[in-house]
Amino acid sequence: MSTVTGQPNPKAKTKLSPDAATWLRMYRQMLAIRLFEEQVNELYTRALMPGLAHLYVGEEAVAVGVCEALQNDDYITSTHRGHGHCLAKGASPNRMFAALLGKEAGYCKGKGGSMHIADPATGNLGANAIVAGSVGIATGAAFSSKYRGTTQVAVCFFGEGALGQGVLYEEMNMAQLWKLPVIYVCENNSYTEYTHCSETTAGDMAARATAFGVHAETVDGQDVRAVHDVTAKLVERARRGDGPAFLLCNTYRHHGHHVGDISREYYRSKQEERLWATERDPIKLLSNWLVANKHADAATLDKVHAELKSEMQKAVEFAIAAPYPSADKASEDVYA
């Protein structure tokens, strides 16, 4: 990944029809996120990781499908469930694990933890533990892009719980009035912490955006090809100055709200979880499609799995061995 320059990147173009190599790269990215998160869960259960993490397992098609449609210098903002977004935009697993373990080699020098990872070099303006907390940041980045006359696009990821936050509507209203190049990506995984969205969110989710005149699309968030196809068109639309868009991705988290949320039968059934894990798993859906269409065979996919598993294990070892920041750096980079 190149560093963010703030200038148009003429060599990077949105691909409306990705070839087989691109789909295989997306498979690799999705699997990397899955294996990363599995290691995060293991670090937690081994008591090596301080605090909690919110796993992205099951939602990989959204992050990869969206970020593959972006240029290196486009912006994203993320959420408390943000590891997938960071990795899909180009973050290093080594530095990601180091950040989770509070090591100096990690993003934000180990001070941000799981929910505050940022990497300006890849256009990642940061994850945010506050629900809808990064909406204003993404919209501001889009305003900056338009003000400076670049073609950069900003993408704001958030869960359906953010639809209950007023700041989202204030920002969408402003973005539509000023025709800002921002895409609001709502990851609807059906549960606002431990409550089904049917009990928290009234009406049509996408209609909330169209009420402001914001162009809205709804897509199967488990199908990375569908996510990418829609996103590529929305990105192209934003670059040519047609304003903001809202993308509702219907998806599902396999694990609990966070790594400590193990027994979930009081708010969702095991049968429901098995259905999404077997029939609606985004990685299985893509791998089946790759094999069925002869874009890859089982041996190729097995090799990718083995390579990534080794890579993630080495990244964990790097993070465990890395030193903590010294005490005299505790007040550095603190602005509030």
Protein backbone atom coordinates (compact mmCIF):
# COMPACT_ATOMS: atom_id res chain seq x y z
CA MET A 1 0.00 0.00 0.00
CA SER A 2 1.29 3.44 -0.84
CA THR A 3 1.05 6.29 1.58
CA VAL A 4 -1.85 8.70 1.43
CA THR A 5 -0.86 11.65 -0.71
CA GLY A 6 -4.12 13.59 -0.81
CA GLN A 7 -3.82 13.67 -4.61
CA PRO A 8 -5.66 11.67 -7.27
CA ASN A 9 -4.10 8.31 -8.09
CA PRO A 10 -4.35 7.93 -11.89
CA LYS A 11 -3.00 4.38 -11.85
CA ALA A 12 -5.67 3.02 -9.53
CA LYS A 13 -9.03 2.57 -11.20
CA THR A 14 -12.24 1.07 -9.89
CA LYS A 15 -12.77 -2.37 -11.42
CA LEU A 16 -16.38 -2.98 -12.31
CA SER A 17 -15.75 -6.55 -13.51
CA PRO A 18 -12.98 -8.21 -11.47
CA ASP A 19 -11.22 -11.15 -13.07
CA ALA A 20 -10.53 -14.53 -11.48
CA ALA A 21 -7.24 -13.35 -9.97
CA THR A 22 -9.04 -10.51 -8.25
CA TRP A 23 -11.69 -12.85 -6.80
CA LEU A 24 -8.95 -15.15 -5.54
CA ARG A 25 -7.26 -12.15 -3.91
CA MET A 26 -10.55 -11.30 -2.22
CA TYR A 27 -10.81 -14.89 -0.99
CA ARG A 28 -7.34 -14.57 0.46
CA GLN A 29 -8.25 -11.28 2.16
CA MET A 30 -11.42 -12.70 3.67
CA LEU A 31 -9.62 -15.79 4.93
CA ALA A 32 -6.83 -13.63 6.38
CA ILE A 33 -9.41 -11.70 8.40
CA ARG A 34 -11.02 -14.96 9.59
CA LEU A 35 -7.72 -16.48 10.70
CA PHE A 36 -6.64 -13.22 12.32
CA GLU A 37 -9.83 -13.13 14.39
CA GLU A 38 -9.47 -16.76 15.40
CA GLN A 39 -6.02 -15.91 16.76
CA VAL A 40 -7.48 -12.91 18.59
CA ASN A 41 -10.00 -15.19 20.28
CA GLU A 42 -7.21 -17.56 21.27
CA LEU A 43 -5.13 -14.71 22.70
CA TYR A 44 -8.11 -13.72 24.82
CA THR A 45 -8.77 -17.24 26.09
CA ARG A 46 -5.06 -17.61 26.93
CA ALA A 47 -5.26 -14.36 28.94
CA LEU A 48 -2.53 -12.78 26.79
CA MET A 49 -4.67 -9.91 25.51
CA PRO A 50 -5.81 -7.15 27.86
CA GLY A 51 -9.42 -6.07 27.58
CA LEU A 52 -12.01 -7.32 25.12
CA ALA A 53 -12.31 -7.54 21.34
CA HIS A 54 -15.35 -7.67 19.08
CA LEU A 55 -14.76 -10.34 16.44
CA TYR A 56 -15.60 -9.78 12.77
CA VAL A 57 -16.00 -13.48 11.94
CA GLY A 58 -18.90 -13.93 9.51
CA GLU A 59 -18.86 -10.36 8.18
CA GLU A 60 -15.67 -10.55 6.10
CA ALA A 61 -17.42 -10.09 2.74
CA VAL A 62 -18.46 -6.54 3.65
CA ALA A 63 -15.00 -5.21 4.53
CA VAL A 64 -13.30 -6.92 1.61
CA GLY A 65 -16.00 -6.23 -0.95
CA VAL A 66 -16.00 -2.54 -0.06
CA CYS A 67 -12.28 -1.93 0.41
CA GLU A 68 -11.34 -3.73 -2.80
CA ALA A 69 -13.30 -1.05 -4.65
CA LEU A 70 -11.23 1.74 -3.09
CA GLN A 71 -7.93 3.32 -4.06
CA ASN A 72 -4.96 3.39 -1.71
CA ASP A 73 -5.54 7.01 -0.76
CA ASP A 74 -9.30 6.74 -0.22
CA TYR A 75 -10.41 7.03 3.39
CA ILE A 76 -12.24 4.69 5.74
CA THR A 77 -13.44 5.00 9.30
CA SER A 78 -14.20 1.96 11.40
CA THR A 79 -16.05 0.70 14.47
CA HIS A 80 -15.51 -1.25 17.69
CA ARG A 81 -15.77 -4.37 15.43
CA GLY A 82 -13.09 -3.02 13.15
CA HIS A 83 -10.26 -5.53 12.66
CA GLY A 84 -11.70 -6.64 9.32
CA HIS A 85 -11.90 -3.11 7.97
CA CYS A 86 -8.31 -2.35 9.00
CA LEU A 87 -6.92 -5.50 7.39
CA ALA A 88 -8.99 -5.11 4.22
CA LYS A 89 -7.61 -1.57 3.78
CA GLY A 90 -4.03 -2.81 4.05
CA ALA A 91 -3.05 -2.97 7.72
CA SER A 92 -0.19 -5.26 8.76
CA PRO A 93 -1.15 -8.29 10.90
CA ASN A 94 2.11 -7.86 12.83
CA ARG A 95 1.25 -4.33 13.89
CA MET A 96 -2.40 -5.23 14.43
CA PHE A 97 -1.57 -7.98 16.92
CA ALA A 98 1.01 -5.74 18.57
CA ALA A 99 -1.66 -3.06 19.00
CA LEU A 100 -4.02 -5.56 20.63
CA LEU A 101 -1.31 -6.59 23.10
CA GLY A 102 -0.38 -2.99 23.94
CA LYS A 103 3.07 -3.20 22.39
CA GLU A 104 5.01 -0.21 21.07
CA ALA A 105 5.33 -1.78 17.61
CA GLY A 106 1.55 -1.72 17.23
CA TYR A 107 -0.64 0.88 15.60
CA CYS A 108 -1.04 3.95 17.82
CA LYS A 109 2.14 2.70 19.55
CA GLY A 110 0.09 0.15 21.45
CA LYS A 111 -2.02 2.76 23.24
CA GLY A 112 -5.24 2.33 21.27
CA GLY A 113 -6.06 -1.32 21.81
CA SER A 114 -8.60 -3.25 19.75
CA MET A 115 -11.16 -0.48 19.29
CA HIS A 116 -8.97 2.47 18.32
CA ILE A 117 -6.67 1.23 15.56
CA ALA A 118 -5.77 3.83 12.94
CA ASP A 119 -3.37 3.76 10.02
CA PRO A 120 -3.25 7.00 8.00
CA ALA A 121 -0.72 5.43 5.61
CA THR A 122 -3.48 3.20 4.22
CA GLY A 123 -6.25 5.80 4.50
CA ASN A 124 -7.63 4.32 7.71
CA LEU A 125 -8.65 7.30 9.85
CA GLY A 126 -9.42 5.09 12.80
CA ALA A 127 -11.78 2.76 14.56
CA ASN A 128 -14.10 4.19 17.18
CA ALA A 129 -15.61 2.64 20.28
CA ILE A 130 -18.51 5.12 20.27
CA VAL A 131 -21.54 3.98 18.27
CA ALA A 132 -21.66 6.22 15.16
CA GLY A 133 -18.61 8.00 16.57
CA SER A 134 -16.71 8.05 13.28
CA VAL A 135 -19.56 9.30 11.06
CA GLY A 136 -18.48 12.91 11.46
CA ILE A 137 -14.83 12.02 10.80
CA ALA A 138 -15.66 10.28 7.51
CA THR A 139 -17.95 13.09 6.42
CA GLY A 140 -15.25 15.62 7.30
CA ALA A 141 -12.73 13.66 5.25
CA ALA A 142 -15.12 13.75 2.30
CA PHE A 143 -15.50 17.50 2.73
CA SER A 144 -11.71 17.82 2.77
CA SER A 145 -11.46 15.84 -0.45
CA LYS A 146 -13.98 18.05 -2.19
CA TYR A 147 -12.44 21.26 -0.81
CA ARG A 148 -8.95 20.25 -1.97
CA GLY A 149 -10.22 19.13 -5.37
CA THR A 150 -9.01 15.53 -5.17
CA THR A 151 -10.97 12.45 -6.22
CA GLN A 152 -10.68 10.74 -2.85
CA VAL A 153 -13.75 8.98 -1.47
CA ALA A 154 -14.52 8.36 2.21
CA VAL A 155 -16.28 5.24 3.48
CA CYS A 156 -17.86 5.12 6.91
CA PHE A 157 -18.53 1.66 8.37
CA PHE A 158 -21.06 1.30 11.18
CA GLY A 159 -23.51 -1.23 12.57
CA GLU A 160 -27.28 -0.99 12.49
CA GLY A 161 -27.16 0.25 16.08
CA ALA A 162 -25.84 3.56 14.71
CA LEU A 163 -29.24 4.12 13.10
CA GLY A 164 -30.41 5.13 16.56
CA GLN A 165 -27.86 7.96 16.78
CA GLY A 166 -28.86 11.45 15.67
CA VAL A 167 -25.38 12.40 14.47
CA LEU A 168 -25.77 10.01 11.54
CA TYR A 169 -28.75 11.93 10.21
CA GLU A 170 -27.11 15.29 10.75
CA GLU A 171 -24.12 14.14 8.72
CA MET A 172 -26.15 12.54 5.93
CA ASN A 173 -28.19 15.72 5.63
CA MET A 174 -25.05 17.84 5.31
CA ALA A 175 -23.37 15.38 2.92
CA GLN A 176 -26.38 15.44 0.62
CA LEU A 177 -26.66 19.24 0.67
CA TRP A 178 -22.97 19.61 -0.19
CA LYS A 179 -22.74 16.55 -2.50
CA LEU A 180 -19.84 15.09 -0.56
CA PRO A 181 -18.01 11.93 -1.79
CA VAL A 182 -18.89 9.72 1.18
CA ILE A 183 -20.43 6.26 1.35
CA TYR A 184 -22.20 5.24 4.56
CA VAL A 185 -21.89 1.46 4.91
CA CYS A 186 -24.32 -0.03 7.42
CA GLU A 187 -23.35 -3.56 8.52
CA ASN A 188 -26.64 -4.98 9.69
CA ASN A 189 -25.71 -8.14 11.59
CA SER A 190 -29.21 -8.25 13.14
CA TYR A 191 -28.13 -7.71 16.73
CA THR A 192 -27.52 -4.48 18.62
CA GLU A 193 -25.35 -6.08 21.29
CA TYR A 194 -27.84 -8.64 22.67
CA THR A 195 -31.10 -7.37 21.18
CA HIS A 196 -32.50 -8.21 17.75
CA CYS A 197 -32.79 -5.20 15.47
CA SER A 198 -36.53 -5.80 15.10
CA GLU A 199 -36.85 -4.62 18.70
CA THR A 200 -34.60 -1.58 18.32
CA THR A 201 -34.92 -0.23 14.79
CA ALA A 202 -38.33 0.65 13.33
CA GLY A 203 -39.15 0.78 9.65
CA ASP A 204 -37.00 0.37 6.56
CA MET A 205 -33.33 0.96 7.35
CA ALA A 206 -32.39 2.10 3.86
CA ALA A 207 -35.39 4.46 3.71
CA ARG A 208 -33.81 6.52 6.47
CA ALA A 209 -31.17 7.60 3.96
CA THR A 210 -33.56 8.17 1.05
CA ALA A 211 -35.54 10.55 3.25
CA PHE A 212 -32.60 12.95 2.81
CA GLY A 213 -32.39 12.25 -0.90
CA VAL A 214 -29.28 10.11 -0.34
CA HIS A 215 -28.94 7.33 -2.90
CA ALA A 216 -29.39 3.97 -1.12
CA GLU A 217 -28.67 0.35 -2.04
CA THR A 218 -29.26 -2.91 -0.16
CA VAL A 219 -27.06 -5.94 -0.73
CA ASP A 220 -26.47 -9.46 0.58
CA GLY A 221 -23.54 -8.85 2.90
CA GLN A 222 -22.49 -12.50 2.73
CA ASP A 223 -21.81 -12.33 -1.02
CA VAL A 224 -18.51 -10.53 -1.56
CA ARG A 225 -19.08 -10.38 -5.30
CA ALA A 226 -22.38 -8.59 -4.83
CA VAL A 227 -20.92 -6.22 -2.23
CA HIS A 228 -18.00 -5.34 -4.48
CA ASP A 229 -20.17 -4.84 -7.56
CA VAL A 230 -22.50 -2.40 -5.81
CA THR A 231 -19.68 -0.59 -4.00
CA ALA A 232 -17.65 -0.10 -7.18
CA LYS A 233 -20.59 1.68 -8.77
CA LEU A 234 -21.17 3.83 -5.68
CA VAL A 235 -17.48 4.77 -5.55
CA GLU A 236 -17.49 5.72 -9.22
CA ARG A 237 -20.63 7.77 -8.59
CA ALA A 238 -19.00 9.60 -5.67
CA ARG A 239 -15.81 10.34 -7.64
CA ARG A 240 -17.72 12.05 -10.42
CA GLY A 241 -19.38 14.37 -7.92
CA ASP A 242 -22.85 12.84 -7.60
CA GLY A 243 -22.79 12.94 -3.82
CA PRO A 244 -23.17 10.52 -0.91
CA ALA A 245 -24.65 7.05 -0.85
CA PHE A 246 -25.93 4.63 1.78
CA LEU A 247 -25.15 0.92 1.46
CA LEU A 248 -27.08 -1.50 3.68
CA CYS A 249 -25.23 -4.83 3.95
CA ASN A 250 -27.22 -7.61 5.60
CA THR A 251 -24.70 -9.82 7.37
CA TYR A 252 -24.18 -11.85 10.57
CA ARG A 253 -21.57 -12.19 13.29
CA HIS A 254 -20.78 -15.80 14.14
CA HIS A 255 -19.50 -15.04 17.62
CA GLY A 256 -20.96 -13.02 20.45
CA HIS A 257 -21.01 -9.27 20.84
CA HIS A 258 -17.48 -9.55 22.23
CA VAL A 259 -15.07 -12.38 23.03
CA GLY A 260 -16.54 -12.79 26.51
CA ASP A 261 -20.07 -13.29 25.16
CA ILE A 262 -19.93 -17.08 24.98
CA SER A 263 -23.38 -18.35 26.01
CA ARG A 264 -25.80 -16.63 23.62
CA GLU A 265 -28.91 -18.82 23.75
CA TYR A 266 -30.78 -16.25 25.83
CA TYR A 267 -30.92 -13.94 22.81
CA ARG A 268 -30.42 -16.18 19.75
CA SER A 269 -30.67 -19.90 19.06
CA LYS A 270 -27.92 -22.38 18.25
CA GLN A 271 -29.94 -23.40 15.20
CA GLU A 272 -29.78 -19.85 13.86
CA GLU A 273 -26.03 -19.70 14.43
CA ARG A 274 -25.49 -23.06 12.67
CA LEU A 275 -27.53 -21.93 9.69
CA TRP A 276 -25.43 -18.81 9.14
CA ALA A 277 -22.16 -20.67 9.81
CA THR A 278 -22.89 -23.46 7.34
CA GLU A 279 -25.20 -22.18 4.62
CA ARG A 280 -24.46 -18.44 4.72
CA ASP A 281 -20.76 -18.30 5.55
CA PRO A 282 -19.19 -15.73 3.16
CA ILE A 283 -15.89 -17.58 2.78
CA LYS A 284 -17.60 -20.88 1.97
CA LEU A 285 -19.89 -19.14 -0.52
CA LEU A 286 -16.94 -17.63 -2.38
CA SER A 287 -14.79 -20.78 -2.26
CA ASN A 288 -17.67 -22.85 -3.63
CA TRP A 289 -18.16 -20.33 -6.42
CA LEU A 290 -14.43 -20.27 -7.27
CA VAL A 291 -14.28 -24.05 -7.54
CA ALA A 292 -17.59 -24.42 -9.40
CA ASN A 293 -16.49 -21.86 -11.99
CA LYS A 294 -12.99 -23.36 -12.28
CA HIS A 295 -11.28 -20.21 -11.06
CA ALA A 296 -9.45 -22.24 -8.40
CA ASP A 297 -9.27 -25.82 -7.24
CA ALA A 298 -9.37 -27.24 -3.72
CA ALA A 299 -5.58 -27.67 -3.66
CA THR A 300 -5.05 -23.98 -4.43
CA LEU A 301 -7.44 -22.91 -1.68
CA ASP A 302 -5.81 -25.31 0.79
CA LYS A 303 -2.42 -23.80 -0.04
CA VAL A 304 -3.76 -20.28 0.59
CA HIS A 305 -5.13 -21.44 3.95
CA ALA A 306 -1.81 -22.99 4.98
CA GLU A 307 0.15 -19.88 3.97
CA LEU A 308 -2.15 -17.54 5.85
CA LYS A 309 -2.27 -19.73 8.95
CA SER A 310 1.53 -19.65 9.09
CA GLU A 311 1.56 -15.89 8.50
CA MET A 312 -0.88 -15.24 11.33
CA GLN A 313 1.03 -17.48 13.72
CA LYS A 314 4.26 -15.61 12.97
CA ALA A 315 2.46 -12.30 13.45
CA VAL A 316 1.25 -13.42 16.88
CA GLU A 317 4.77 -14.50 17.83
CA PHE A 318 6.09 -11.11 16.70
CA ALA A 319 3.56 -9.31 18.87
CA ILE A 320 4.19 -11.44 21.95
CA ALA A 321 7.95 -10.90 21.67
CA ALA A 322 7.68 -7.15 21.01
CA PRO A 323 8.46 -4.80 23.92
CA TYR A 324 5.94 -2.61 25.73
CA PRO A 325 6.39 1.17 25.46
CA SER A 326 8.43 2.66 28.28
CA ALA A 327 6.63 4.46 31.10
CA ASP A 328 8.08 7.85 30.10
CA LYS A 329 6.04 7.69 26.86
CA ALA A 330 2.69 7.47 28.64
CA SER A 331 1.88 11.15 28.04
CA GLU A 332 3.05 11.25 24.41
CA ASP A 333 0.42 11.51 21.64
CA VAL A 334 -2.29 12.30 24.15
CA TYR A 335 -4.39 15.26 23.06
CA ALA A 336 -7.30 15.34 25.49
